[in-house]
């Protein structure tokens, strides 16, 4: 299990100089309480499968089943990263990313939108495919910033793997949120999606082109290389999965020093080592 928490002491120095932003501040405070764990063991994955089931059933995206769980083979793909976010020890949300590279080109959205996405692969692009974003109903109502805190993990995935594009496979009614928050653009109208009863559309962003503006408007999306490495660096010995290894070359700390980079953090955000709308 890999676990990373944010701490109040690690807030960006620049935040003290900028005007107060009550929403950004509230998300930052929520991040202080969140423990983000990569789900590498069966117990964590079982809890996530049950959270998915409740979320999808509640929104009418699936029919009831006797197991009361929702998982799929893509959870075990070599290039998959599955996370659970915990608030005060309780599973609050989950999200899954696939990192598509020339060496590992397969990912869930490709199975549905191959005609749209194949040119990205032919051009050798690194693509982050974010799916299975679900949240606990009670906690998502209590914490307005939970969706942003969860999608921050997807944002950090793009940063760590130096993504060219970041995808969002979402229902039509969620397009406005992704367009407003990340500048996602629709590239394919809704289509039938495997294992779901509701159609899904596809949106994308050129990650590096929008990063500076997104992080300016939402400072809590910023991170350090150390935090990203703690989340995404893999060790077969630690996880017991023989194929469990990083699938792309992440940026090294020295790459953060160039002042022309849109990803330069104005001050370090060092995570503390504390204990521990769906598609």
Protein backbone atom coordinates (compact mmCIF):
# COMPACT_ATOMS: atom_id res chain seq x y z
CA UNK A 1 0.00 0.00 0.00
CA UNK A 2 1.20 3.49 -0.86
CA UNK A 3 -0.26 6.32 1.19
CA UNK A 4 0.24 10.07 0.85
CA UNK A 5 -1.42 12.81 2.87
CA UNK A 6 -1.22 16.56 2.56
CA UNK A 7 -0.39 18.62 5.63
CA UNK A 8 -1.34 22.11 6.71
CA UNK A 9 2.33 22.97 7.15
CA UNK A 10 2.98 22.15 3.50
CA UNK A 11 0.73 24.78 1.95
CA UNK A 12 2.24 26.85 -0.81
CA UNK A 13 4.10 29.87 0.44
CA UNK A 14 2.49 31.83 -2.37
CA UNK A 15 -0.95 31.16 -0.86
CA UNK A 16 -0.15 33.54 1.97
CA UNK A 17 0.49 36.31 -0.53
CA UNK A 18 -2.53 35.73 -2.75
CA UNK A 19 -6.05 37.02 -2.03
CA UNK A 20 -8.19 34.70 0.03
CA UNK A 21 -10.08 32.16 -2.06
CA UNK A 22 -12.60 30.48 0.18
CA UNK A 23 -13.24 27.53 -2.13
CA UNK A 24 -9.55 26.79 -2.81
CA UNK A 25 -8.84 27.16 0.89
CA UNK A 26 -11.65 24.77 1.77
CA UNK A 27 -10.29 22.15 -0.65
CA UNK A 28 -6.81 22.64 0.79
CA UNK A 29 -8.18 22.07 4.28
CA UNK A 30 -9.95 18.94 3.06
CA UNK A 31 -6.70 17.66 1.56
CA UNK A 32 -5.15 17.99 5.02
CA UNK A 33 -7.54 15.26 6.15
CA UNK A 34 -7.35 12.99 3.11
CA UNK A 35 -5.20 9.89 2.94
CA UNK A 36 -4.70 8.91 -0.71
CA UNK A 37 -3.84 5.23 -1.07
CA UNK A 38 -2.95 3.27 -4.18
CA UNK A 39 -5.09 0.15 -3.93
CA UNK A 40 -2.56 -2.66 -4.20
CA UNK A 41 -4.18 -5.25 -1.95
CA UNK A 42 -7.38 -7.25 -2.16
CA UNK A 43 -9.01 -5.66 0.88
CA UNK A 44 -8.70 -2.13 -0.50
CA UNK A 45 -9.89 -3.21 -3.93
CA UNK A 46 -12.89 -4.98 -2.47
CA UNK A 47 -13.92 -1.82 -0.63
CA UNK A 48 -13.58 0.18 -3.84
CA UNK A 49 -15.64 -2.37 -5.79
CA UNK A 50 -18.44 -2.00 -3.24
CA UNK A 51 -18.25 1.80 -3.31
CA UNK A 52 -18.49 1.69 -7.11
CA UNK A 53 -21.52 -0.56 -6.97
CA UNK A 54 -23.38 1.78 -4.60
CA UNK A 55 -22.49 4.85 -6.67
CA UNK A 56 -23.42 3.36 -10.04
CA UNK A 57 -26.61 1.80 -8.73
CA UNK A 58 -27.67 5.09 -7.13
CA UNK A 59 -27.29 6.91 -10.46
CA UNK A 60 -29.00 4.21 -12.51
CA UNK A 61 -25.82 3.33 -14.41
CA UNK A 62 -26.05 -0.39 -13.57
CA UNK A 63 -28.66 -2.92 -12.51
CA UNK A 64 -28.60 -4.59 -9.08
CA UNK A 65 -26.52 -7.74 -8.66
CA UNK A 66 -26.18 -10.27 -5.87
CA UNK A 67 -22.49 -9.56 -5.21
CA UNK A 68 -23.10 -5.85 -4.54
CA UNK A 69 -19.72 -5.03 -6.09
CA UNK A 70 -18.48 -3.58 -9.39
CA UNK A 71 -15.06 -4.38 -10.80
CA UNK A 72 -13.69 -5.11 -14.25
CA UNK A 73 -10.55 -6.68 -15.77
CA UNK A 74 -9.10 -3.25 -16.54
CA UNK A 75 -8.41 -2.84 -12.81
CA UNK A 76 -5.58 -5.35 -13.22
CA UNK A 77 -4.04 -3.92 -16.38
CA UNK A 78 -0.30 -3.40 -16.24
CA UNK A 79 -0.69 0.32 -16.87
CA UNK A 80 -3.58 0.87 -14.42
CA UNK A 81 -3.38 2.95 -11.24
CA UNK A 82 -6.31 2.52 -8.85
CA UNK A 83 -6.67 4.83 -5.84
CA UNK A 84 -8.90 5.20 -2.83
CA UNK A 85 -9.21 8.47 -0.91
CA UNK A 86 -9.96 8.22 2.81
CA UNK A 87 -11.28 10.89 5.16
CA UNK A 88 -10.61 10.13 8.81
CA UNK A 89 -10.08 6.49 7.83
CA UNK A 90 -13.34 6.14 5.86
CA UNK A 91 -13.27 5.41 2.12
CA UNK A 92 -14.68 8.58 0.56
CA UNK A 93 -13.96 8.21 -3.15
CA UNK A 94 -12.02 6.28 -5.75
CA UNK A 95 -10.55 6.93 -9.17
CA UNK A 96 -8.63 4.93 -11.77
CA UNK A 97 -6.11 6.04 -14.36
CA UNK A 98 -4.54 4.15 -17.25
CA UNK A 99 -1.29 5.52 -18.63
CA UNK A 100 -1.11 4.87 -22.36
CA UNK A 101 2.34 4.96 -23.97
CA UNK A 102 3.80 3.37 -27.11
CA UNK A 103 4.97 0.49 -24.87
CA UNK A 104 1.57 0.07 -23.16
CA UNK A 105 -1.02 1.47 -25.60
CA UNK A 106 -4.19 -0.20 -24.30
CA UNK A 107 -6.73 1.57 -22.08
CA UNK A 108 -10.50 1.35 -21.49
CA UNK A 109 -11.66 4.33 -23.56
CA UNK A 110 -9.77 3.03 -26.58
CA UNK A 111 -12.19 0.10 -26.74
CA UNK A 112 -15.11 2.51 -27.24
CA UNK A 113 -13.56 5.47 -29.06
CA UNK A 114 -10.85 3.80 -31.14
CA UNK A 115 -11.61 5.85 -34.25
CA UNK A 116 -11.04 9.07 -32.30
CA UNK A 117 -8.07 7.97 -30.18
CA UNK A 118 -6.00 5.85 -32.57
CA UNK A 119 -4.32 8.95 -34.10
CA UNK A 120 -2.97 9.80 -30.62
CA UNK A 121 -1.37 6.37 -30.40
CA UNK A 122 -0.05 6.48 -33.95
CA UNK A 123 1.68 9.75 -33.06
CA UNK A 124 3.32 8.17 -30.00
CA UNK A 125 1.50 10.38 -27.50
CA UNK A 126 1.23 9.69 -23.77
CA UNK A 127 -2.44 9.63 -22.82
CA UNK A 128 -4.03 9.50 -19.37
CA UNK A 129 -7.40 7.77 -19.37
CA UNK A 130 -9.38 8.54 -16.21
CA UNK A 131 -12.33 6.29 -15.42
CA UNK A 132 -14.29 4.78 -12.50
CA UNK A 133 -14.53 8.04 -10.57
CA UNK A 134 -16.99 7.41 -7.72
CA UNK A 135 -17.70 8.95 -4.33
CA UNK A 136 -19.56 8.10 -1.17
CA UNK A 137 -22.93 9.87 -1.26
CA UNK A 138 -22.89 11.04 2.35
CA UNK A 139 -19.31 12.31 2.29
CA UNK A 140 -19.63 14.00 -1.10
CA UNK A 141 -22.55 16.03 0.26
CA UNK A 142 -20.66 16.91 3.40
CA UNK A 143 -17.45 17.90 1.60
CA UNK A 144 -18.13 20.04 -1.45
CA UNK A 145 -14.51 19.82 -2.57
CA UNK A 146 -14.33 16.03 -2.60
CA UNK A 147 -14.70 15.82 -6.39
CA UNK A 148 -11.80 18.23 -6.85
CA UNK A 149 -9.65 16.40 -4.31
CA UNK A 150 -10.31 13.11 -6.10
CA UNK A 151 -9.63 14.47 -9.59
CA UNK A 152 -6.41 15.97 -8.26
CA UNK A 153 -5.02 12.40 -8.37
CA UNK A 154 -5.75 12.27 -12.10
CA UNK A 155 -4.10 15.68 -12.50
CA UNK A 156 -0.97 14.43 -10.71
CA UNK A 157 -0.92 11.37 -12.97
CA UNK A 158 -0.64 13.61 -16.00
CA UNK A 159 2.11 15.58 -14.32
CA UNK A 160 4.15 12.57 -13.23
CA UNK A 161 4.01 10.83 -16.60
CA UNK A 162 4.45 14.03 -18.62
CA UNK A 163 1.17 13.46 -20.46
CA UNK A 164 0.36 14.88 -23.85
CA UNK A 165 -3.39 14.40 -23.39
CA UNK A 166 -5.71 13.70 -20.49
CA UNK A 167 -9.09 12.14 -21.25
CA UNK A 168 -12.40 12.29 -19.43
CA UNK A 169 -14.97 9.64 -20.33
CA UNK A 170 -18.09 11.12 -18.76
CA UNK A 171 -21.84 11.34 -19.06
CA UNK A 172 -23.23 14.24 -21.04
CA UNK A 173 -24.53 16.05 -17.95
CA UNK A 174 -21.00 16.21 -16.50
CA UNK A 175 -19.41 17.93 -19.49
CA UNK A 176 -19.87 21.43 -18.07
CA UNK A 177 -17.88 20.61 -14.92
CA UNK A 178 -14.89 19.28 -16.86
CA UNK A 179 -15.01 22.12 -19.34
CA UNK A 180 -15.15 24.74 -16.58
CA UNK A 181 -12.49 23.17 -14.36
CA UNK A 182 -9.92 21.75 -16.77
CA UNK A 183 -10.85 23.24 -20.19
CA UNK A 184 -11.83 19.80 -21.50
CA UNK A 185 -13.24 19.80 -25.01
CA UNK A 186 -15.74 17.30 -26.36
CA UNK A 187 -14.24 15.06 -29.05
CA UNK A 188 -16.95 12.41 -29.30
CA UNK A 189 -20.67 12.38 -28.58
CA UNK A 190 -22.08 9.78 -26.15
CA UNK A 191 -21.72 6.13 -27.05
CA UNK A 192 -22.65 2.86 -25.38
CA UNK A 193 -20.01 1.98 -22.81
CA UNK A 194 -19.25 -1.58 -21.66
CA UNK A 195 -20.88 -2.67 -18.38
CA UNK A 196 -22.75 0.64 -17.97
CA UNK A 197 -26.39 1.28 -18.81
CA UNK A 198 -25.89 4.96 -19.64
CA UNK A 199 -23.94 6.29 -22.66
CA UNK A 200 -20.59 8.02 -22.18
CA UNK A 201 -19.01 10.85 -24.17
CA UNK A 202 -15.30 11.57 -24.53
CA UNK A 203 -13.50 14.81 -23.68
CA UNK A 204 -9.83 15.70 -23.73
CA UNK A 205 -7.28 18.40 -22.92
CA UNK A 206 -3.74 18.99 -24.19
CA UNK A 207 -2.36 18.62 -20.68
CA UNK A 208 0.76 20.78 -20.76
CA UNK A 209 -1.01 23.57 -22.67
CA UNK A 210 -3.65 24.07 -19.97
CA UNK A 211 -1.61 23.25 -16.86
CA UNK A 212 -0.50 26.76 -15.97
CA UNK A 213 -4.00 28.21 -16.09
CA UNK A 214 -5.60 25.32 -14.21
CA UNK A 215 -3.03 25.53 -11.41
CA UNK A 216 -3.35 29.30 -11.25
CA UNK A 217 -7.11 29.08 -10.75
CA UNK A 218 -6.93 26.04 -8.46
CA UNK A 219 -3.65 26.16 -6.52
CA UNK A 220 -4.45 22.92 -4.71
CA UNK A 221 -3.69 21.03 -7.96
CA UNK A 222 -0.01 21.86 -7.52
CA UNK A 223 2.34 19.20 -6.19
CA UNK A 224 5.98 18.25 -5.84
CA UNK A 225 7.92 15.48 -7.47
CA UNK A 226 8.23 13.77 -4.09
CA UNK A 227 4.46 13.56 -3.65
CA UNK A 228 3.95 12.26 -7.18
CA UNK A 229 6.73 9.70 -6.79
CA UNK A 230 5.18 8.43 -3.57
CA UNK A 231 1.89 7.88 -5.38
CA UNK A 232 3.06 6.39 -8.66
CA UNK A 233 6.43 4.72 -8.17
CA UNK A 234 5.92 0.99 -8.05
CA UNK A 235 7.85 -1.88 -6.52
CA UNK A 236 6.99 -5.52 -7.35
CA UNK A 237 8.45 -6.55 -3.98
CA UNK A 238 6.19 -4.14 -2.12
CA UNK A 239 2.99 -5.09 -3.93
CA UNK A 240 3.56 -8.75 -4.66
CA UNK A 241 2.50 -8.21 -8.28
CA UNK A 242 5.16 -9.44 -10.66
CA UNK A 243 4.10 -7.05 -13.40
CA UNK A 244 3.53 -4.11 -11.05
CA UNK A 245 5.96 -1.49 -12.33
CA UNK A 246 5.94 2.01 -13.71
CA UNK A 247 4.93 2.09 -17.35
CA UNK A 248 6.36 5.41 -18.44
CA UNK A 249 9.35 7.61 -17.72
CA UNK A 250 8.33 10.27 -15.20
CA UNK A 251 9.88 13.70 -15.04
CA UNK A 252 12.84 13.96 -12.70
CA UNK A 253 13.14 16.66 -10.02
CA UNK A 254 15.68 18.59 -12.11
CA UNK A 255 13.04 19.10 -14.75
CA UNK A 256 11.07 21.26 -12.31
CA UNK A 257 13.76 23.91 -12.23
CA UNK A 258 13.30 25.45 -15.66
CA UNK A 259 11.57 28.77 -15.27
CA UNK A 260 9.84 28.43 -18.63
CA UNK A 261 8.00 25.29 -17.59
CA UNK A 262 4.26 25.68 -16.94
CA UNK A 263 4.66 23.19 -14.09
CA UNK A 264 7.12 25.10 -11.91
CA UNK A 265 5.83 25.21 -8.35
CA UNK A 266 6.42 28.51 -6.62
CA UNK A 267 7.15 26.73 -3.34
CA UNK A 268 7.39 23.10 -2.23
CA UNK A 269 4.39 21.13 -1.10
CA UNK A 270 5.79 18.26 0.95
CA UNK A 271 3.17 15.68 1.98
CA UNK A 272 3.17 14.40 5.52
CA UNK A 273 3.51 10.66 6.11
CA UNK A 274 0.48 10.14 8.32
CA UNK A 275 -1.27 6.88 9.02
CA UNK A 276 -3.77 6.02 7.41
CA UNK A 277 -19.83 11.57 -10.60
CA UNK A 278 -18.97 8.12 -11.63
CA UNK A 279 -17.50 6.66 -14.79
